[in-house]
Amino acid sequence: MRRVTFSADDFGLSLSINEAIERAHRDGILDAASLMVAGPAAEDAVRRARAMPSLRVGLHLVVIEGPAVLPPAQIPGLVDKAGQFPSGQLRLGFRYFLSPAVRRQLAHEIRAQFAAFAATGLRLDHANAHKHMHLHPTVGRMLLRIGAGFGLRAVRIPAESPAILAACGTRAGIGARALYYWTVVLRRQARAARIATYDHCFGLAWTGHMTTLRVRHLLAVLPEGETEIYFHPAAGPDRVLQCLMPGYEHEAELETLLDRTLRVNPAPRNGLSLDSPASGEENGATQHGRCSA
């Protein structure tokens, strides 16, 4: 059986994103959203989420290119004086791996972000990280360990099958293929922590350009199992989007999410769970998805 969750990232980053997420859930096919708890529009996002109890909301952990929750004095090895994480992914990756002091501060900040989410009163549906930084083994391990203490049940594994992309006319390069196999590390970490995962995930190769035509092609070739397809919708341009995501087709992605003809069997309204039957068990395949333990 194929079941699809349509999700949106960066909830709380800007009012335009928040408006798009609300419209896509109320009038379209959006099932879930990932909240940036320290985002400039986080308070507005939480207010909207409380008014939409059927929207599944999770934590969009920020440990790169964005604001921290803790004050700079408590995490000087992570952020600048304005409390912002830098954008250099490679340099950050080395620091998170090599410096014990930085790792301690990182753990404090991750805990603070989960605590900030808990303080909203929203049910924690899932977690993932901005720029997929939870693929870093240190970040992934901390997210799973700390998140479990806050009731975390599911985590995104951004594993896009090169074969499925090829069937849609997109050839995965060497880097994309390497990333696909690297996601095995995070999947194993999640399995060991008894945190559920999707079997498949799409949105990376076409990030910012998840048009209706592309998504329709993708849905036609989706394999069996649980799939997450994630988006970056916005109701219109604003300064934040122009600065951080120039060239993204935010409004086109919103139009995709408003197209109800794209609806496939949705995932359960209460989200993924280790207690649900595995898709692999249903069709006799090897168990490797959301129900892996």
Protein backbone atom coordinates (compact mmCIF):
# COMPACT_ATOMS: atom_id res chain seq x y z
CA MET A 1 0.00 0.00 0.00
CA ARG A 2 1.17 3.52 -0.79
CA ARG A 3 0.52 6.31 1.71
CA VAL A 4 1.78 9.86 1.38
CA THR A 5 2.30 12.69 3.84
CA PHE A 6 2.59 16.15 2.29
CA SER A 7 4.61 18.41 4.60
CA ALA A 8 6.04 21.93 4.68
CA ASP A 9 9.25 23.25 6.20
CA ASP A 10 10.14 26.62 7.77
CA PHE A 11 6.85 27.19 9.61
CA GLY A 12 7.53 30.32 11.66
CA LEU A 13 10.23 31.77 9.42
CA SER A 14 7.95 34.41 7.89
CA LEU A 15 4.30 35.46 7.82
CA SER A 16 4.11 34.60 4.12
CA ILE A 17 5.17 31.02 4.83
CA ASN A 18 2.72 30.77 7.73
CA GLU A 19 -0.15 32.00 5.58
CA ALA A 20 0.70 29.50 2.85
CA ILE A 21 0.85 26.61 5.31
CA GLU A 22 -2.54 27.52 6.75
CA ARG A 23 -4.12 27.80 3.30
CA ALA A 24 -2.53 24.56 2.10
CA HIS A 25 -3.86 22.68 5.11
CA ARG A 26 -7.35 24.19 5.23
CA ASP A 27 -7.98 24.24 1.48
CA GLY A 28 -5.51 21.72 0.09
CA ILE A 29 -3.57 18.55 0.82
CA LEU A 30 -0.95 19.63 3.37
CA ASP A 31 -0.81 17.22 6.32
CA ALA A 32 2.13 18.42 8.41
CA ALA A 33 4.50 21.32 9.03
CA SER A 34 7.86 21.72 10.75
CA LEU A 35 8.17 24.67 13.15
CA MET A 36 11.24 26.89 13.61
CA VAL A 37 10.69 27.74 17.28
CA ALA A 38 13.00 30.77 17.19
CA GLY A 39 11.85 32.00 13.80
CA PRO A 40 10.78 35.64 13.41
CA ALA A 41 7.16 34.57 12.87
CA ALA A 42 7.09 31.62 15.28
CA GLU A 43 4.46 33.16 17.57
CA ASP A 44 2.12 33.65 14.61
CA ALA A 45 2.79 30.08 13.45
CA VAL A 46 1.90 28.66 16.85
CA ARG A 47 -1.32 30.68 16.96
CA ARG A 48 -2.33 29.33 13.55
CA ALA A 49 -1.37 25.77 14.50
CA ARG A 50 -3.51 25.89 17.63
CA ALA A 51 -6.46 26.84 15.44
CA MET A 52 -5.78 23.84 13.17
CA PRO A 53 -5.62 20.78 15.44
CA SER A 54 -5.60 18.45 12.42
CA LEU A 55 -2.27 19.91 11.24
CA ARG A 56 0.55 17.69 12.47
CA VAL A 57 3.36 19.94 13.70
CA GLY A 58 6.94 18.96 14.44
CA LEU A 59 10.23 20.64 15.28
CA HIS A 60 12.39 22.05 12.47
CA LEU A 61 15.66 22.06 14.42
CA VAL A 62 17.94 24.97 13.53
CA VAL A 63 21.68 24.47 14.03
CA ILE A 64 22.77 26.29 10.86
CA GLU A 65 21.81 29.54 9.09
CA GLY A 66 19.21 30.77 11.54
CA PRO A 67 18.47 31.99 15.06
CA ALA A 68 19.21 30.05 18.23
CA VAL A 69 16.92 29.84 21.26
CA LEU A 70 19.61 30.27 23.90
CA PRO A 71 21.38 33.63 24.35
CA PRO A 72 24.80 33.99 22.69
CA ALA A 73 26.58 34.12 26.06
CA GLN A 74 25.52 30.52 26.74
CA ILE A 75 26.54 29.13 23.35
CA PRO A 76 29.43 31.33 22.13
CA GLY A 77 30.91 28.45 20.16
CA LEU A 78 27.76 28.10 18.07
CA VAL A 79 26.46 31.56 17.20
CA ASP A 80 27.56 35.14 16.56
CA LYS A 81 26.80 38.07 18.85
CA ALA A 82 23.35 38.40 17.30
CA GLY A 83 22.52 34.80 18.19
CA GLN A 84 22.67 33.55 14.60
CA PHE A 85 24.15 30.25 13.44
CA PRO A 86 26.59 30.59 10.52
CA SER A 87 25.84 29.13 7.09
CA GLY A 88 29.05 27.23 6.35
CA GLN A 89 27.91 23.61 6.41
CA LEU A 90 31.34 21.99 6.05
CA ARG A 91 33.00 24.11 8.71
CA LEU A 92 30.12 23.62 11.13
CA GLY A 93 30.21 19.89 10.52
CA PHE A 94 33.85 19.67 11.54
CA ARG A 95 33.28 21.78 14.65
CA TYR A 96 30.31 19.69 15.76
CA PHE A 97 32.39 16.56 15.32
CA LEU A 98 35.76 17.63 16.72
CA SER A 99 35.14 20.06 19.61
CA PRO A 100 33.83 18.67 22.93
CA ALA A 101 33.00 22.21 24.11
CA VAL A 102 30.99 22.91 20.97
CA ARG A 103 29.18 19.58 21.29
CA ARG A 104 28.15 20.40 24.86
CA GLN A 105 26.76 23.75 23.73
CA LEU A 106 25.04 22.04 20.81
CA ALA A 107 23.29 19.61 23.15
CA HIS A 108 22.12 22.51 25.34
CA GLU A 109 20.70 24.34 22.31
CA ILE A 110 18.96 21.26 20.92
CA ARG A 111 17.38 20.64 24.30
CA ALA A 112 16.30 24.30 24.46
CA GLN A 113 14.60 24.05 21.07
CA PHE A 114 12.68 20.92 22.07
CA ALA A 115 11.72 22.65 25.33
CA ALA A 116 10.53 25.71 23.41
CA PHE A 117 8.37 23.48 21.25
CA ALA A 118 6.95 21.76 24.33
CA ALA A 119 6.12 25.17 25.80
CA THR A 120 3.78 25.86 22.87
CA GLY A 121 1.46 23.10 24.04
CA LEU A 122 1.42 21.59 20.55
CA ARG A 123 1.76 17.83 20.20
CA LEU A 124 5.21 16.91 18.86
CA ASP A 125 4.51 14.93 15.70
CA HIS A 126 8.05 14.63 14.33
CA ALA A 127 11.43 16.35 14.05
CA ASN A 128 13.89 17.18 11.31
CA ALA A 129 16.64 19.77 10.87
CA HIS A 130 17.10 22.88 8.78
CA LYS A 131 19.33 22.11 5.78
CA HIS A 132 19.09 18.45 6.84
CA MET A 133 21.82 18.96 9.42
CA HIS A 134 20.54 15.93 11.34
CA LEU A 135 22.35 13.84 8.72
CA HIS A 136 25.49 14.83 10.62
CA PRO A 137 25.97 11.86 12.99
CA THR A 138 26.54 14.10 16.02
CA VAL A 139 23.47 16.23 15.36
CA GLY A 140 21.35 13.21 14.48
CA ARG A 141 22.33 11.33 17.62
CA MET A 142 21.56 14.35 19.83
CA LEU A 143 18.25 15.05 18.10
CA LEU A 144 17.11 11.47 18.65
CA ARG A 145 18.39 11.14 22.22
CA ILE A 146 17.14 14.50 23.45
CA GLY A 147 13.95 14.35 21.40
CA ALA A 148 13.02 11.00 22.93
CA GLY A 149 12.81 12.74 26.29
CA PHE A 150 10.20 15.09 24.81
CA GLY A 151 8.11 12.31 23.28
CA LEU A 152 9.65 12.32 19.80
CA ARG A 153 8.13 9.52 17.71
CA ALA A 154 9.24 10.17 14.12
CA VAL A 155 12.15 11.72 12.23
CA ARG A 156 12.67 12.55 8.56
CA ILE A 157 15.22 10.55 6.59
CA PRO A 158 15.85 12.63 3.42
CA ALA A 159 16.57 9.57 1.26
CA GLU A 160 15.55 10.21 -2.34
CA SER A 161 15.79 7.10 -4.49
CA PRO A 162 17.95 7.78 -7.58
CA ALA A 163 15.86 5.22 -9.48
CA ILE A 164 12.60 7.03 -8.73
CA LEU A 165 14.13 10.38 -9.67
CA ALA A 166 15.35 8.85 -12.94
CA ALA A 167 11.83 7.62 -13.66
CA CYS A 168 10.74 11.26 -13.32
CA GLY A 169 13.43 12.45 -15.73
CA THR A 170 15.95 13.68 -13.14
CA ARG A 171 19.39 12.09 -13.04
CA ALA A 172 20.96 12.02 -9.58
CA GLY A 173 24.59 13.13 -9.59
CA ILE A 174 27.43 11.59 -7.64
CA GLY A 175 26.80 13.86 -4.65
CA ALA A 176 23.10 13.03 -4.53
CA ARG A 177 23.81 9.31 -4.77
CA ALA A 178 26.39 9.52 -1.99
CA LEU A 179 23.90 11.40 0.19
CA TYR A 180 21.27 8.74 -0.48
CA TYR A 181 23.54 6.01 0.86
CA TRP A 182 24.75 8.20 3.74
CA THR A 183 21.18 8.42 5.05
CA VAL A 184 21.57 4.79 6.14
CA VAL A 185 23.52 6.13 9.14
CA LEU A 186 20.59 8.23 10.36
CA ARG A 187 18.11 5.44 9.67
CA ARG A 188 20.16 3.07 11.81
CA GLN A 189 20.38 5.67 14.57
CA ALA A 190 16.60 6.12 14.49
CA ARG A 191 16.03 2.38 14.50
CA ALA A 192 18.28 1.97 17.55
CA ALA A 193 16.40 4.78 19.31
CA ARG A 194 13.03 3.25 18.35
CA ILE A 195 12.05 6.39 16.46
CA ALA A 196 9.82 5.87 13.42
CA THR A 197 10.85 6.91 9.90
CA TYR A 198 9.24 7.07 6.48
CA ASP A 199 10.23 4.51 3.86
CA HIS A 200 10.80 7.22 1.25
CA CYS A 201 11.21 10.99 1.16
CA PHE A 202 11.20 13.46 -1.74
CA GLY A 203 11.75 17.21 -2.00
CA LEU A 204 15.52 17.55 -2.03
CA ALA A 205 16.43 17.30 -5.72
CA TRP A 206 13.65 19.72 -6.67
CA THR A 207 13.78 21.85 -3.54
CA GLY A 208 11.97 25.11 -4.10
CA HIS A 209 10.58 23.82 -7.38
CA MET A 210 7.98 21.23 -6.37
CA THR A 211 5.58 22.12 -9.15
CA THR A 212 2.29 20.36 -9.79
CA LEU A 213 3.64 18.63 -12.90
CA ARG A 214 6.70 17.28 -11.08
CA VAL A 215 4.68 16.04 -8.14
CA ARG A 216 2.15 14.40 -10.44
CA HIS A 217 4.96 12.56 -12.23
CA LEU A 218 6.42 11.53 -8.86
CA LEU A 219 3.11 10.19 -7.56
CA ALA A 220 2.75 8.04 -10.68
CA VAL A 221 5.95 6.12 -9.91
CA LEU A 222 5.99 6.05 -6.10
CA PRO A 223 6.90 2.66 -4.63
CA GLU A 224 4.92 0.87 -1.96
CA GLY A 225 5.20 2.09 1.62
CA GLU A 226 5.08 5.36 3.53
CA THR A 227 6.36 8.45 1.71
CA GLU A 228 6.93 12.03 2.83
CA ILE A 229 6.95 14.75 0.17
CA TYR A 230 8.04 18.09 1.57
CA PHE A 231 7.65 21.64 0.29
CA HIS A 232 8.64 25.26 0.92
CA PRO A 233 5.42 27.15 0.16
CA ALA A 234 4.79 30.85 0.65
CA ALA A 235 1.87 33.12 -0.15
CA GLY A 236 4.11 35.72 -1.77
CA PRO A 237 7.61 37.19 -1.77
CA ASP A 238 9.08 38.92 1.26
CA ARG A 239 12.51 40.09 2.41
CA VAL A 240 13.28 36.91 4.33
CA LEU A 241 12.55 34.67 1.36
CA GLN A 242 14.43 36.87 -1.07
CA CYS A 243 17.47 36.78 1.21
CA LEU A 244 17.51 33.10 2.17
CA MET A 245 15.81 31.34 -0.76
CA PRO A 246 16.22 33.43 -3.92
CA GLY A 247 14.92 31.64 -6.97
CA TYR A 248 12.54 29.34 -5.10
CA GLU A 249 9.07 28.98 -6.64
CA HIS A 250 7.28 29.38 -3.32
CA GLU A 251 3.93 30.38 -4.79
CA ALA A 252 4.03 27.56 -7.34
CA GLU A 253 4.62 25.12 -4.50
CA LEU A 254 1.59 26.54 -2.70
CA GLU A 255 -0.48 26.00 -5.84
CA THR A 256 0.68 22.38 -5.89
CA LEU A 257 -0.45 21.90 -2.31
CA LEU A 258 -3.83 23.43 -3.13
CA ASP A 259 -4.46 20.87 -5.88
CA ARG A 260 -6.72 18.28 -4.25
CA THR A 261 -6.46 15.96 -7.26
CA LEU A 262 -2.96 15.05 -6.04
CA ARG A 263 -4.25 13.47 -2.84
CA VAL A 264 -3.01 9.91 -2.33
CA ASN A 265 -3.89 7.67 0.61
CA PRO A 266 -2.87 9.91 3.52
CA ALA A 267 -0.84 8.72 6.47
CA PRO A 268 -2.81 8.31 9.74
CA ARG A 269 -3.92 11.62 11.22
CA ASN A 270 -2.01 10.85 14.40
CA GLY A 271 1.23 10.51 12.43
CA LEU A 272 3.76 7.71 12.17
CA SER A 273 4.01 5.13 14.91
CA LEU A 274 6.12 2.11 15.65
CA ASP A 275 2.90 0.38 16.68
CA SER A 276 1.36 0.54 13.19
CA PRO A 277 1.78 -2.33 10.69
CA ALA A 278 4.93 -1.84 8.61
CA SER A 279 4.47 -1.36 4.90
CA GLY A 280 7.23 -3.90 4.38
CA GLU A 281 5.34 -6.46 6.42
CA GLU A 282 2.18 -5.90 4.39
CA ASN A 283 3.81 -6.77 1.04
CA GLY A 284 6.37 -9.28 2.26
CA ALA A 285 9.35 -6.98 1.72
CA THR A 286 12.17 -6.42 4.15
CA GLN A 287 11.11 -4.22 7.04
CA HIS A 288 13.01 -0.96 6.69
CA GLY A 289 10.59 1.92 7.07
CA ARG A 290 8.61 3.73 9.67
CA CYS A 291 8.05 0.63 11.79
CA SER A 292 11.67 -0.43 12.01
CA ALA A 293 12.96 -0.94 15.51
